[in-house]
Amino acid sequence: MPGRFTAIPAVPTGLNEWQNQLSNTMKENVELLCGIRGEGDLASRAVVRSDITVNEARELNMKRVTAEGKGYTISGQNVADLDDFAKLILNVQELANDVAYLRSVINTMIVQLKG
């Protein structure tokens, strides 16, 4: 969605050479930034606030790790507590879901920035 811009009037005649060159260059640059110059790929068009429509990221589900690292030593080997291991699996899944969500928000914003 382009921003709102008004037409830029032609550079007046009767200016000396440097004023004419400066005015024409500034006019061309402003038209490129506004996307009204007719540049085919709009590579020079500025991103304006109305171009970004993605909402802020929601609060993430993962607040803290609930697994506590509980375990036992059996025959000289450290073994994780089954309940604690299940908590860790849930923690990792929550984190994976949050990362996937944030990635989708960022990708949406990148697409909007690229236009």
N, C-alpha and C. Protein backbone atom coordinates (compact mmCIF):
# COMPACT_ATOMS: atom_id res chain seq x y z
N MET A 1 0.85 -1.16 0.00
CA MET A 1 0.00 0.00 0.00
C MET A 1 0.90 1.23 0.00
N PRO A 2 0.87 2.01 -1.08
CA PRO A 2 1.75 3.17 -1.15
C PRO A 2 1.30 4.27 -0.20
N GLY A 3 2.26 5.10 0.16
CA GLY A 3 1.94 6.26 0.98
C GLY A 3 1.21 7.30 0.15
N ARG A 4 0.81 8.38 0.79
CA ARG A 4 0.11 9.45 0.09
C ARG A 4 1.11 10.56 -0.23
N PHE A 5 1.26 10.82 -1.51
CA PHE A 5 2.16 11.87 -1.96
C PHE A 5 1.44 12.76 -2.95
N THR A 6 1.81 14.01 -2.98
CA THR A 6 1.24 14.93 -3.96
C THR A 6 2.20 15.07 -5.13
N ALA A 7 1.66 15.51 -6.25
CA ALA A 7 2.48 15.69 -7.46
C ALA A 7 3.54 16.75 -7.21
N ILE A 8 4.68 16.56 -7.85
CA ILE A 8 5.77 17.52 -7.72
C ILE A 8 5.78 18.37 -8.98
N PRO A 9 5.68 19.68 -8.83
CA PRO A 9 5.62 20.53 -10.03
C PRO A 9 6.95 20.52 -10.79
N ALA A 10 6.86 20.87 -12.05
CA ALA A 10 8.06 20.95 -12.88
C ALA A 10 8.98 22.04 -12.35
N VAL A 11 10.27 21.86 -12.60
CA VAL A 11 11.25 22.86 -12.19
C VAL A 11 11.05 24.08 -13.08
N PRO A 12 10.97 25.26 -12.47
CA PRO A 12 10.72 26.46 -13.29
C PRO A 12 11.89 26.80 -14.20
N THR A 13 11.57 27.45 -15.27
CA THR A 13 12.62 27.90 -16.20
C THR A 13 13.21 29.20 -15.68
N GLY A 14 14.34 29.56 -16.21
CA GLY A 14 14.96 30.82 -15.82
C GLY A 14 15.95 30.69 -14.67
N LEU A 15 16.21 29.49 -14.22
CA LEU A 15 17.20 29.30 -13.15
C LEU A 15 18.58 29.22 -13.77
N ASN A 16 19.59 29.59 -12.99
CA ASN A 16 20.94 29.41 -13.55
C ASN A 16 21.26 27.91 -13.55
N GLU A 17 22.37 27.54 -14.16
CA GLU A 17 22.67 26.12 -14.42
C GLU A 17 22.72 25.28 -13.15
N TRP A 18 23.42 25.73 -12.12
CA TRP A 18 23.53 24.91 -10.91
C TRP A 18 22.19 24.79 -10.19
N GLN A 19 21.37 25.85 -10.20
CA GLN A 19 20.06 25.77 -9.56
C GLN A 19 19.15 24.79 -10.32
N ASN A 20 19.23 24.84 -11.64
CA ASN A 20 18.43 23.95 -12.46
C ASN A 20 18.83 22.49 -12.23
N GLN A 21 20.14 22.23 -12.22
CA GLN A 21 20.63 20.87 -12.02
C GLN A 21 20.25 20.36 -10.63
N LEU A 22 20.44 21.18 -9.61
CA LEU A 22 20.10 20.79 -8.25
C LEU A 22 18.60 20.52 -8.12
N SER A 23 17.79 21.40 -8.64
CA SER A 23 16.33 21.24 -8.55
C SER A 23 15.86 19.99 -9.28
N ASN A 24 16.38 19.76 -10.49
CA ASN A 24 15.98 18.57 -11.24
C ASN A 24 16.41 17.29 -10.53
N THR A 25 17.62 17.28 -9.97
CA THR A 25 18.11 16.11 -9.25
C THR A 25 17.26 15.84 -8.02
N MET A 26 16.95 16.87 -7.26
CA MET A 26 16.12 16.70 -6.07
C MET A 26 14.73 16.21 -6.45
N LYS A 27 14.15 16.78 -7.49
CA LYS A 27 12.83 16.36 -7.96
C LYS A 27 12.84 14.89 -8.35
N GLU A 28 13.85 14.48 -9.11
CA GLU A 28 13.95 13.09 -9.55
C GLU A 28 14.09 12.15 -8.36
N ASN A 29 14.94 12.51 -7.39
CA ASN A 29 15.13 11.66 -6.22
C ASN A 29 13.86 11.54 -5.38
N VAL A 30 13.15 12.63 -5.20
CA VAL A 30 11.89 12.58 -4.44
C VAL A 30 10.87 11.72 -5.17
N GLU A 31 10.79 11.86 -6.50
CA GLU A 31 9.86 11.03 -7.27
C GLU A 31 10.22 9.54 -7.19
N LEU A 32 11.51 9.24 -7.20
CA LEU A 32 11.93 7.84 -7.05
C LEU A 32 11.54 7.31 -5.67
N LEU A 33 11.78 8.10 -4.63
CA LEU A 33 11.43 7.68 -3.28
C LEU A 33 9.93 7.48 -3.10
N CYS A 34 9.14 8.31 -3.78
CA CYS A 34 7.68 8.20 -3.70
C CYS A 34 7.13 7.10 -4.59
N GLY A 35 7.94 6.61 -5.53
CA GLY A 35 7.47 5.58 -6.45
C GLY A 35 6.63 6.12 -7.58
N ILE A 36 6.75 7.41 -7.88
CA ILE A 36 5.94 8.02 -8.93
C ILE A 36 6.76 8.39 -10.16
N ARG A 37 7.99 7.98 -10.21
CA ARG A 37 8.87 8.33 -11.33
C ARG A 37 8.68 7.37 -12.51
N GLY A 38 8.09 6.21 -12.28
CA GLY A 38 7.92 5.26 -13.36
C GLY A 38 9.03 4.22 -13.41
N GLU A 39 9.77 4.09 -12.33
CA GLU A 39 10.82 3.07 -12.25
C GLU A 39 10.15 1.69 -12.22
N GLY A 40 10.49 0.84 -13.19
CA GLY A 40 9.80 -0.44 -13.36
C GLY A 40 9.80 -1.34 -12.15
N ASP A 41 10.94 -1.52 -11.50
CA ASP A 41 11.01 -2.45 -10.37
C ASP A 41 10.81 -1.77 -9.02
N LEU A 42 10.63 -0.46 -9.03
CA LEU A 42 10.43 0.32 -7.79
C LEU A 42 11.54 0.10 -6.77
N ALA A 43 12.74 -0.21 -7.25
CA ALA A 43 13.86 -0.51 -6.36
C ALA A 43 14.24 0.70 -5.50
N SER A 44 13.91 1.90 -5.94
CA SER A 44 14.29 3.10 -5.18
C SER A 44 13.18 3.59 -4.27
N ARG A 45 11.99 2.99 -4.36
CA ARG A 45 10.85 3.48 -3.57
C ARG A 45 11.10 3.25 -2.09
N ALA A 46 10.82 4.26 -1.30
CA ALA A 46 11.02 4.18 0.15
C ALA A 46 9.92 3.33 0.79
N VAL A 47 10.24 2.70 1.91
CA VAL A 47 9.25 2.00 2.70
C VAL A 47 8.66 3.03 3.66
N VAL A 48 7.34 3.14 3.65
CA VAL A 48 6.67 4.08 4.55
C VAL A 48 5.85 3.29 5.57
N ARG A 49 5.43 3.95 6.60
CA ARG A 49 4.73 3.27 7.69
C ARG A 49 3.53 2.48 7.23
N SER A 50 2.81 2.98 6.24
CA SER A 50 1.60 2.27 5.78
C SER A 50 1.95 0.97 5.06
N ASP A 51 3.21 0.78 4.67
CA ASP A 51 3.62 -0.46 4.01
C ASP A 51 3.68 -1.63 4.99
N ILE A 52 3.89 -1.35 6.26
CA ILE A 52 4.06 -2.40 7.26
C ILE A 52 2.72 -2.63 7.96
N THR A 53 2.14 -3.80 7.74
CA THR A 53 0.84 -4.11 8.33
C THR A 53 0.89 -5.30 9.28
N VAL A 54 2.06 -5.92 9.41
CA VAL A 54 2.16 -7.07 10.32
C VAL A 54 1.95 -6.59 11.75
N ASN A 55 1.22 -7.39 12.53
CA ASN A 55 0.97 -7.03 13.93
C ASN A 55 2.18 -7.39 14.78
N GLU A 56 2.23 -6.79 15.94
CA GLU A 56 3.30 -7.13 16.89
C GLU A 56 3.18 -8.60 17.24
N ALA A 57 4.29 -9.21 17.54
CA ALA A 57 4.28 -10.62 17.93
C ALA A 57 3.58 -10.77 19.27
N ARG A 58 2.78 -11.82 19.36
CA ARG A 58 2.08 -12.11 20.62
C ARG A 58 3.10 -12.51 21.69
N GLU A 59 2.63 -12.56 22.92
CA GLU A 59 3.51 -13.03 24.00
C GLU A 59 3.82 -14.50 23.76
N LEU A 60 5.04 -14.87 23.99
CA LEU A 60 5.45 -16.24 23.74
C LEU A 60 4.97 -17.18 24.85
N ASN A 61 4.80 -18.45 24.49
CA ASN A 61 4.32 -19.44 25.46
C ASN A 61 5.42 -19.87 26.43
N MET A 62 6.64 -19.96 25.92
CA MET A 62 7.76 -20.44 26.74
C MET A 62 8.19 -19.33 27.69
N LYS A 63 7.93 -19.52 28.96
CA LYS A 63 8.30 -18.52 29.97
C LYS A 63 9.57 -18.94 30.73
N ARG A 64 9.62 -20.22 31.02
CA ARG A 64 10.77 -20.73 31.77
C ARG A 64 10.85 -22.23 31.55
N VAL A 65 11.98 -22.78 31.85
CA VAL A 65 12.18 -24.22 31.76
C VAL A 65 11.60 -24.84 33.03
N THR A 66 10.69 -25.81 32.84
CA THR A 66 10.09 -26.45 34.01
C THR A 66 10.85 -27.71 34.42
N ALA A 67 11.63 -28.25 33.50
CA ALA A 67 12.46 -29.40 33.87
C ALA A 67 13.53 -28.94 34.86
N GLU A 68 13.80 -29.78 35.83
CA GLU A 68 14.72 -29.38 36.90
C GLU A 68 16.03 -30.13 36.89
N GLY A 69 16.18 -31.07 35.99
CA GLY A 69 17.42 -31.83 35.94
C GLY A 69 17.48 -32.95 36.96
N LYS A 70 16.32 -33.41 37.40
CA LYS A 70 16.27 -34.50 38.38
C LYS A 70 16.74 -35.79 37.72
N GLY A 71 17.32 -36.62 38.49
CA GLY A 71 17.77 -37.90 37.97
C GLY A 71 18.22 -38.82 39.08
N TYR A 72 18.67 -39.98 38.65
CA TYR A 72 19.11 -41.01 39.58
C TYR A 72 20.41 -41.59 39.07
N THR A 73 21.13 -42.21 39.96
CA THR A 73 22.32 -42.96 39.57
C THR A 73 21.99 -44.43 39.73
N ILE A 74 22.04 -45.13 38.61
CA ILE A 74 21.74 -46.56 38.63
C ILE A 74 22.94 -47.29 38.06
N SER A 75 23.52 -48.16 38.84
CA SER A 75 24.71 -48.93 38.44
C SER A 75 25.81 -48.02 37.92
N GLY A 76 25.99 -46.87 38.58
CA GLY A 76 27.06 -45.95 38.23
C GLY A 76 26.74 -45.03 37.04
N GLN A 77 25.54 -45.14 36.51
CA GLN A 77 25.13 -44.29 35.37
C GLN A 77 24.08 -43.29 35.82
N ASN A 78 24.23 -42.06 35.38
CA ASN A 78 23.21 -41.05 35.66
C ASN A 78 22.05 -41.23 34.68
N VAL A 79 20.84 -41.28 35.24
CA VAL A 79 19.64 -41.49 34.44
C VAL A 79 18.64 -40.39 34.79
N ALA A 80 18.05 -39.81 33.77
CA ALA A 80 17.08 -38.74 33.99
C ALA A 80 15.80 -39.30 34.59
N ASP A 81 15.19 -38.51 35.46
CA ASP A 81 13.88 -38.83 36.01
C ASP A 81 12.85 -38.77 34.87
N LEU A 82 11.96 -39.76 34.78
CA LEU A 82 11.01 -39.83 33.67
C LEU A 82 10.09 -38.61 33.62
N ASP A 83 9.57 -38.18 34.77
CA ASP A 83 8.70 -37.00 34.80
C ASP A 83 9.46 -35.74 34.36
N ASP A 84 10.68 -35.62 34.82
CA ASP A 84 11.50 -34.47 34.45
C ASP A 84 11.83 -34.49 32.96
N PHE A 85 12.10 -35.69 32.44
CA PHE A 85 12.38 -35.84 31.01
C PHE A 85 11.16 -35.44 30.18
N ALA A 86 9.97 -35.82 30.62
CA ALA A 86 8.73 -35.44 29.93
C ALA A 86 8.55 -33.91 29.95
N LYS A 87 8.87 -33.28 31.08
CA LYS A 87 8.80 -31.82 31.16
C LYS A 87 9.75 -31.17 30.15
N LEU A 88 10.93 -31.74 30.04
CA LEU A 88 11.91 -31.20 29.10
C LEU A 88 11.41 -31.31 27.67
N ILE A 89 10.80 -32.43 27.34
CA ILE A 89 10.23 -32.60 25.99
C ILE A 89 9.18 -31.52 25.72
N LEU A 90 8.31 -31.27 26.69
CA LEU A 90 7.29 -30.23 26.53
C LEU A 90 7.93 -28.84 26.40
N ASN A 91 8.96 -28.58 27.19
CA ASN A 91 9.67 -27.30 27.11
C ASN A 91 10.26 -27.08 25.73
N VAL A 92 10.89 -28.11 25.19
CA VAL A 92 11.50 -28.00 23.86
C VAL A 92 10.43 -27.79 22.80
N GLN A 93 9.29 -28.48 22.92
CA GLN A 93 8.21 -28.31 21.95
C GLN A 93 7.63 -26.89 22.01
N GLU A 94 7.43 -26.37 23.23
CA GLU A 94 6.95 -24.99 23.37
C GLU A 94 7.92 -24.01 22.71
N LEU A 95 9.19 -24.22 22.96
CA LEU A 95 10.21 -23.34 22.38
C LEU A 95 10.20 -23.44 20.85
N ALA A 96 10.09 -24.66 20.32
CA ALA A 96 10.04 -24.85 18.86
C ALA A 96 8.82 -24.14 18.27
N ASN A 97 7.68 -24.23 18.95
CA ASN A 97 6.47 -23.54 18.47
C ASN A 97 6.66 -22.03 18.48
N ASP A 98 7.26 -21.51 19.54
CA ASP A 98 7.51 -20.06 19.62
C ASP A 98 8.45 -19.59 18.52
N VAL A 99 9.51 -20.36 18.27
CA VAL A 99 10.46 -20.00 17.21
C VAL A 99 9.77 -20.02 15.85
N ALA A 100 8.93 -21.02 15.60
CA ALA A 100 8.21 -21.10 14.32
C ALA A 100 7.28 -19.90 14.16
N TYR A 101 6.60 -19.52 15.23
CA TYR A 101 5.71 -18.36 15.19
C TYR A 101 6.49 -17.08 14.89
N LEU A 102 7.58 -16.86 15.62
CA LEU A 102 8.39 -15.66 15.40
C LEU A 102 8.96 -15.62 13.99
N ARG A 103 9.36 -16.78 13.49
CA ARG A 103 9.89 -16.87 12.12
C ARG A 103 8.83 -16.46 11.11
N SER A 104 7.60 -16.87 11.33
CA SER A 104 6.53 -16.50 10.42
C SER A 104 6.25 -15.00 10.47
N VAL A 105 6.30 -14.40 11.66
CA VAL A 105 6.10 -12.94 11.78
C VAL A 105 7.23 -12.20 11.06
N ILE A 106 8.45 -12.64 11.26
CA ILE A 106 9.60 -11.98 10.62
C ILE A 106 9.53 -12.14 9.11
N ASN A 107 9.18 -13.33 8.62
CA ASN A 107 9.08 -13.52 7.18
C ASN A 107 7.99 -12.65 6.56
N THR A 108 6.87 -12.49 7.25
CA THR A 108 5.80 -11.61 6.78
C THR A 108 6.31 -10.18 6.68
N MET A 109 7.05 -9.74 7.69
CA MET A 109 7.59 -8.39 7.68
C MET A 109 8.61 -8.21 6.55
N ILE A 110 9.45 -9.20 6.33
CA ILE A 110 10.44 -9.12 5.24
C ILE A 110 9.74 -8.97 3.90
N VAL A 111 8.68 -9.74 3.69
CA VAL A 111 7.92 -9.65 2.43
C VAL A 111 7.34 -8.24 2.28
N GLN A 112 6.81 -7.68 3.36
CA GLN A 112 6.25 -6.32 3.29
C GLN A 112 7.33 -5.28 3.05
N LEU A 113 8.50 -5.46 3.64
CA LEU A 113 9.59 -4.50 3.42
C LEU A 113 10.11 -4.55 1.99
N LYS A 114 10.12 -5.74 1.42
CA LYS A 114 10.59 -5.87 0.04
C LYS A 114 9.58 -5.33 -0.96
N GLY A 115 8.31 -5.29 -0.53
CA GLY A 115 7.26 -4.76 -1.41
C GLY A 115 7.01 -5.71 -2.49
